[in-house]
C-alpha atoms as a PDB file:
ATOM      1  CA  MET A   1       4.434  -3.722  18.875  1.00  0.00           C
ATOM      2  CA  PRO A   2       4.612  -3.940  14.912  1.00  0.00           C
ATOM      3  CA  ARG A   3       1.510  -2.680  12.860  1.00  0.00           C
ATOM      4  CA  VAL A   4       1.107  -5.964  11.395  1.00  0.00           C
ATOM      5  CA  LYS A   5       2.599  -9.390  12.255  1.00  0.00           C
ATOM      6  CA  TYR A   6       5.100 -10.406   9.802  1.00  0.00           C
ATOM      7  CA  LYS A   7       8.123 -12.761   8.656  1.00  0.00           C
ATOM      8  CA  SER A   8      11.110 -11.978   7.227  1.00  0.00           C
ATOM      9  CA  SER A   9       9.855 -13.074   3.941  1.00  0.00           C
ATOM     10  CA  ASP A  10       7.164 -10.459   3.851  1.00  0.00           C
ATOM     11  CA  VAL A  11       9.877  -7.956   4.323  1.00  0.00           C
ATOM     12  CA  ASP A  12      11.304  -8.810   1.304  1.00  0.00           C
ATOM     13  CA  LEU A  13       7.717  -9.380  -0.579  1.00  0.00           C
ATOM     14  CA  MET A  14       6.420  -5.990   0.504  1.00  0.00           C
ATOM     15  CA  ALA A  15      10.150  -4.704  -0.548  1.00  0.00           C
ATOM     16  CA  ARG A  16       9.642  -5.449  -3.900  1.00  0.00           C
ATOM     17  CA  MET A  17       6.488  -4.035  -4.298  1.00  0.00           C
ATOM     18  CA  MET A  18       7.247  -1.055  -2.883  1.00  0.00           C
ATOM     19  CA  ARG A  19       9.908  -0.836  -5.617  1.00  0.00           C
ATOM     20  CA  ALA A  20       8.200  -2.068  -8.377  1.00  0.00           C
ATOM     21  CA  GLU A  21       5.025   0.148  -7.469  1.00  0.00           C
ATOM     22  CA  ALA A  22       7.224   3.270  -6.595  1.00  0.00           C
ATOM     23  CA  GLU A  23      10.959   3.829  -7.630  1.00  0.00           C
ATOM     24  CA  GLY A  24      10.514   6.797  -9.589  1.00  0.00           C
ATOM     25  CA  GLU A  25       9.139   8.308  -6.284  1.00  0.00           C
ATOM     26  CA  GLY A  26      12.373   7.676  -4.268  1.00  0.00           C
ATOM     27  CA  LYS A  27      11.904   6.229  -0.505  1.00  0.00           C
ATOM     28  CA  GLN A  28       9.429   8.691   0.245  1.00  0.00           C
ATOM     29  CA  GLY A  29       7.085   7.314  -2.332  1.00  0.00           C
ATOM     30  CA  MET A  30       7.941   3.822  -1.495  1.00  0.00           C
ATOM     31  CA  LEU A  31       7.043   4.263   2.021  1.00  0.00           C
ATOM     32  CA  TYR A  32       4.038   5.846   1.114  1.00  0.00           C
ATOM     33  CA  VAL A  33       3.131   2.787  -1.029  1.00  0.00           C
ATOM     34  CA  GLY A  34       3.866   0.534   2.467  1.00  0.00           C
ATOM     35  CA  ASN A  35       1.654   2.741   4.031  1.00  0.00           C
ATOM     36  CA  VAL A  36      -1.347   1.122   1.912  1.00  0.00           C
ATOM     37  CA  ILE A  37      -0.358  -2.022   2.069  1.00  0.00           C
ATOM     38  CA  VAL A  38      -0.335  -2.555   5.654  1.00  0.00           C
ATOM     39  CA  ASN A  39      -3.318  -0.347   5.902  1.00  0.00           C
ATOM     40  CA  ARG A  40      -4.746  -3.199   3.495  1.00  0.00           C
ATOM     41  CA  ALA A  41      -3.582  -5.881   6.083  1.00  0.00           C
ATOM     42  CA  ASN A  42      -5.426  -4.427   9.083  1.00  0.00           C
ATOM     43  CA  ALA A  43      -9.093  -3.152   7.787  1.00  0.00           C
ATOM     44  CA  GLU A  44     -11.550  -4.794   8.724  1.00  0.00           C
ATOM     45  CA  CYS A  45     -13.818  -3.131   5.751  1.00  0.00           C
ATOM     46  CA  SER A  46     -14.315  -3.130   2.300  1.00  0.00           C
ATOM     47  CA  ASP A  47     -12.273  -5.785  -0.136  1.00  0.00           C
ATOM     48  CA  PHE A  48      -9.825  -5.915   2.387  1.00  0.00           C
ATOM     49  CA  ARG A  49     -11.874  -7.261   5.489  1.00  0.00           C
ATOM     50  CA  ASP A  50     -10.373 -11.130   4.973  1.00  0.00           C
ATOM     51  CA  LEU A  51      -6.932  -9.920   4.348  1.00  0.00           C
ATOM     52  CA  ARG A  52      -4.381  -9.987   7.728  1.00  0.00           C
ATOM     53  CA  THR A  53      -1.236 -11.152   5.735  1.00  0.00           C
ATOM     54  CA  ILE A  54       1.291  -9.174   3.408  1.00  0.00           C
ATOM     55  CA  PRO A  55       1.225 -12.254   1.218  1.00  0.00           C
ATOM     56  CA  GLU A  56      -2.680 -12.000   1.339  1.00  0.00           C
ATOM     57  CA  VAL A  57      -2.385  -8.331   0.290  1.00  0.00           C
ATOM     58  CA  ILE A  58       0.042  -8.115  -2.211  1.00  0.00           C
ATOM     59  CA  PHE A  59      -1.913 -11.020  -3.955  1.00  0.00           C
ATOM     60  CA  GLN A  60      -5.318 -10.478  -3.835  1.00  0.00           C
ATOM     61  CA  ILE A  61      -7.439 -10.590  -6.921  1.00  0.00           C
ATOM     62  CA  GLN A  62     -10.362  -8.423  -7.411  1.00  0.00           C
ATOM     63  CA  GLY A  63     -12.315  -8.910 -10.744  1.00  0.00           C
ATOM     64  CA  GLY A  64     -10.163 -11.089 -12.711  1.00  0.00           C
ATOM     65  CA  ASN A  65      -7.209  -9.000 -11.793  1.00  0.00           C
ATOM     66  CA  TYR A  66      -4.180  -8.709  -8.939  1.00  0.00           C
ATOM     67  CA  SER A  67      -4.787  -5.335  -7.106  1.00  0.00           C
ATOM     68  CA  PHE A  68      -1.611  -4.470  -7.460  1.00  0.00           C
ATOM     69  CA  GLU A  69      -0.591  -4.140 -11.214  1.00  0.00           C
ATOM     70  CA  ALA A  70       2.928  -5.456 -10.279  1.00  0.00           C
ATOM     71  CA  VAL A  71       2.372  -8.663  -9.685  1.00  0.00           C
ATOM     72  CA  GLN A  72       0.884  -9.567 -13.140  1.00  0.00           C
ATOM     73  CA  LYS A  73       2.912  -6.804 -15.242  1.00  0.00           C
ATOM     74  CA  GLY A  74       5.693  -5.526 -13.368  1.00  0.00           C
ATOM     75  CA  ASN A  75       9.293  -6.946 -13.945  1.00  0.00           C
ATOM     76  CA  LEU A  76      10.676  -5.176 -11.343  1.00  0.00           C
ATOM     77  CA  PHE A  77       8.533  -6.658  -8.336  1.00  0.00           C
ATOM     78  CA  TYR A  78       9.833 -10.195  -9.742  1.00  0.00           C
ATOM     79  CA  ARG A  79      13.541  -9.229  -8.975  1.00  0.00           C
ATOM     80  CA  ARG A  80      15.398  -9.245  -5.603  1.00  0.00           C
ATOM     81  CA  ALA A  81      14.403  -7.131  -3.068  1.00  0.00           C
ATOM     82  CA  ARG A  82      17.537  -4.830  -2.293  1.00  0.00           C
ATOM     83  CA  GLU A  83      18.561  -4.127   1.295  1.00  0.00           C
ATOM     84  CA  ALA A  84      17.540   0.107   1.128  1.00  0.00           C
ATOM     85  CA  GLU A  85      13.865  -1.374   0.343  1.00  0.00           C
ATOM     86  CA  LYS A  86      13.827  -3.932   2.718  1.00  0.00           C
ATOM     87  CA  ARG A  87      14.851  -1.358   5.196  1.00  0.00           C
ATOM     88  CA  LEU A  88      11.552   0.908   4.516  1.00  0.00           C
ATOM     89  CA  ALA A  89       9.335  -2.146   4.235  1.00  0.00           C
ATOM     90  CA  GLU A  90      10.353  -3.037   7.783  1.00  0.00           C
ATOM     91  CA  LYS A  91      10.008   0.645   8.888  1.00  0.00           C
ATOM     92  CA  ASN A  92       6.198   0.371   7.475  1.00  0.00           C
ATOM     93  CA  LEU A  93       5.413  -2.524   9.519  1.00  0.00           C
ATOM     94  CA  LYS A  94       7.233  -1.271  12.593  1.00  0.00           C
ATOM     95  CA  TYR A  95       5.615   2.134  13.231  1.00  0.00           C
ATOM     96  CA  TRP A  96       5.838   4.339  10.059  1.00  0.00           C
ATOM     97  CA  ARG A  97       2.524   5.931   8.565  1.00  0.00           C
ATOM     98  CA  ASN A  98       2.329   9.674   7.325  1.00  0.00           C
ATOM     99  CA  HIS A  99       0.051  11.894   5.059  1.00  0.00           C
ATOM    100  CA  PRO A 100      -1.498  11.431   2.716  1.00  0.00           C
ATOM    101  CA  ALA A 101      -1.118   7.688   2.736  1.00  0.00           C
ATOM    102  CA  LYS A 102      -1.535   7.509   6.531  1.00  0.00           C
ATOM    103  CA  TYR A 103      -5.053   6.028   6.457  1.00  0.00           C
ATOM    104  CA  ALA A 104      -5.055   5.386   2.711  1.00  0.00           C
ATOM    105  CA  LEU A 105      -6.425   2.004   1.231  1.00  0.00           C
ATOM    106  CA  TRP A 106      -5.844   2.862  -1.785  1.00  0.00           C
ATOM    107  CA  TYR A 107      -3.790   4.811  -4.969  1.00  0.00           C
ATOM    108  CA  PHE A 108      -3.191   5.266  -8.015  1.00  0.00           C
ATOM    109  CA  ASN A 109      -1.193   7.340 -11.037  1.00  0.00           C
ATOM    110  CA  PRO A 110      -3.975   9.054 -13.092  1.00  0.00           C
ATOM    111  CA  TYR A 111      -1.881  10.794 -15.785  1.00  0.00           C
ATOM    112  CA  ALA A 112      -3.323  13.544 -15.130  1.00  0.00           C
ATOM    113  CA  PRO A 113      -4.575  15.745 -12.190  1.00  0.00           C
ATOM    114  CA  CYS A 114      -6.143  13.827  -8.895  1.00  0.00           C
ATOM    115  CA  PRO A 115     -10.023  13.281  -8.860  1.00  0.00           C
ATOM    116  CA  SER A 116     -11.249  14.277  -5.640  1.00  0.00           C
ATOM    117  CA  THR A 117     -13.369  11.093  -5.139  1.00  0.00           C
ATOM    118  CA  TRP A 118     -11.582   7.428  -6.173  1.00  0.00           C
ATOM    119  CA  TYR A 119     -14.894   4.955  -6.361  1.00  0.00           C
ATOM    120  CA  GLY A 120     -16.330   7.362  -3.733  1.00  0.00           C
ATOM    121  CA  GLN A 121     -13.896   7.627  -1.715  1.00  0.00           C
ATOM    122  CA  PRO A 122     -12.091  10.911  -0.384  1.00  0.00           C
ATOM    123  CA  PHE A 123      -8.685  12.073  -1.829  1.00  0.00           C
ATOM    124  CA  THR A 124      -6.432  12.771   0.964  1.00  0.00           C
ATOM    125  CA  GLY A 125      -3.807  13.949  -1.114  1.00  0.00           C
ATOM    126  CA  GLN A 126      -0.434  13.441  -3.462  1.00  0.00           C
ATOM    127  CA  TYR A 127       2.602  12.925  -3.626  1.00  0.00           C
ATOM    128  CA  LYS A 128       4.295  13.382  -7.210  1.00  0.00           C
ATOM    129  CA  ASN A 129       2.682  11.120  -9.499  1.00  0.00           C
ATOM    130  CA  HIS A 130       0.421   9.064  -7.167  1.00  0.00           C
ATOM    131  CA  CYS A 131      -3.040   9.844  -5.717  1.00  0.00           C
ATOM    132  CA  TYR A 132      -4.123   8.573  -2.086  1.00  0.00           C
ATOM    133  CA  TYR A 133      -7.611   8.162  -1.040  1.00  0.00           C
ATOM    134  CA  GLU A 134      -8.884   6.616   2.855  1.00  0.00           C
ATOM    135  CA  PRO A 135     -12.284   5.096   3.478  1.00  0.00           C
ATOM    136  CA  GLU A 136     -14.866   7.367   3.706  1.00  0.00           C
ATOM    137  CA  ALA A 137     -15.589   8.562   7.210  1.00  0.00           C
ATOM    138  CA  GLY A 138     -17.447   6.316   9.108  1.00  0.00           C
ATOM    139  CA  THR A 139     -16.890   3.303   7.175  1.00  0.00           C
ATOM    140  CA  CYS A 140     -13.464   1.806   8.191  1.00  0.00           C
ATOM    141  CA  ALA A 141     -12.870   2.308  11.635  1.00  0.00           C
ATOM    142  CA  SER A 142      -9.974  -0.202  11.756  1.00  0.00           C
ATOM    143  CA  VAL A 143      -7.671   1.229   9.340  1.00  0.00           C
ATOM    144  CA  TYR A 144      -7.658   4.397  12.072  1.00  0.00           C
ATOM    145  CA  ARG A 145      -6.769   2.631  15.035  1.00  0.00           C
ATOM    146  CA  TRP A 146      -3.280   1.347  14.209  1.00  0.00           C
END
């Protein structure tokens, strides 16, 4: 059973986002971004409570802006998905998750050392330029059950 229900168009959309957000970090970095996308689709907490599909996650607007900067600013996001990224996206959707993004709902590139918390959420680790953060203990059990 996949981690989240999806269609082929979702694989394509997610692959484009993974590439746009982390192409410079290779396959591993793109998989970590994919983890966050799938985790948000499963999260029944925080700003993600009403998101259940990949398009809802990717096109979510918070505070007047898209949650993923690449939707608004990234020309890579609007290029066709490549087969390599589609395979990575499907891997995330079906089963793959790993530390530091295993339970992460947030990531960002601080262009500096990773802060120990981000918006009150604990730091779980770093991969290349991205810092990953999971929900504070006891605040989002749904993230841990998948």
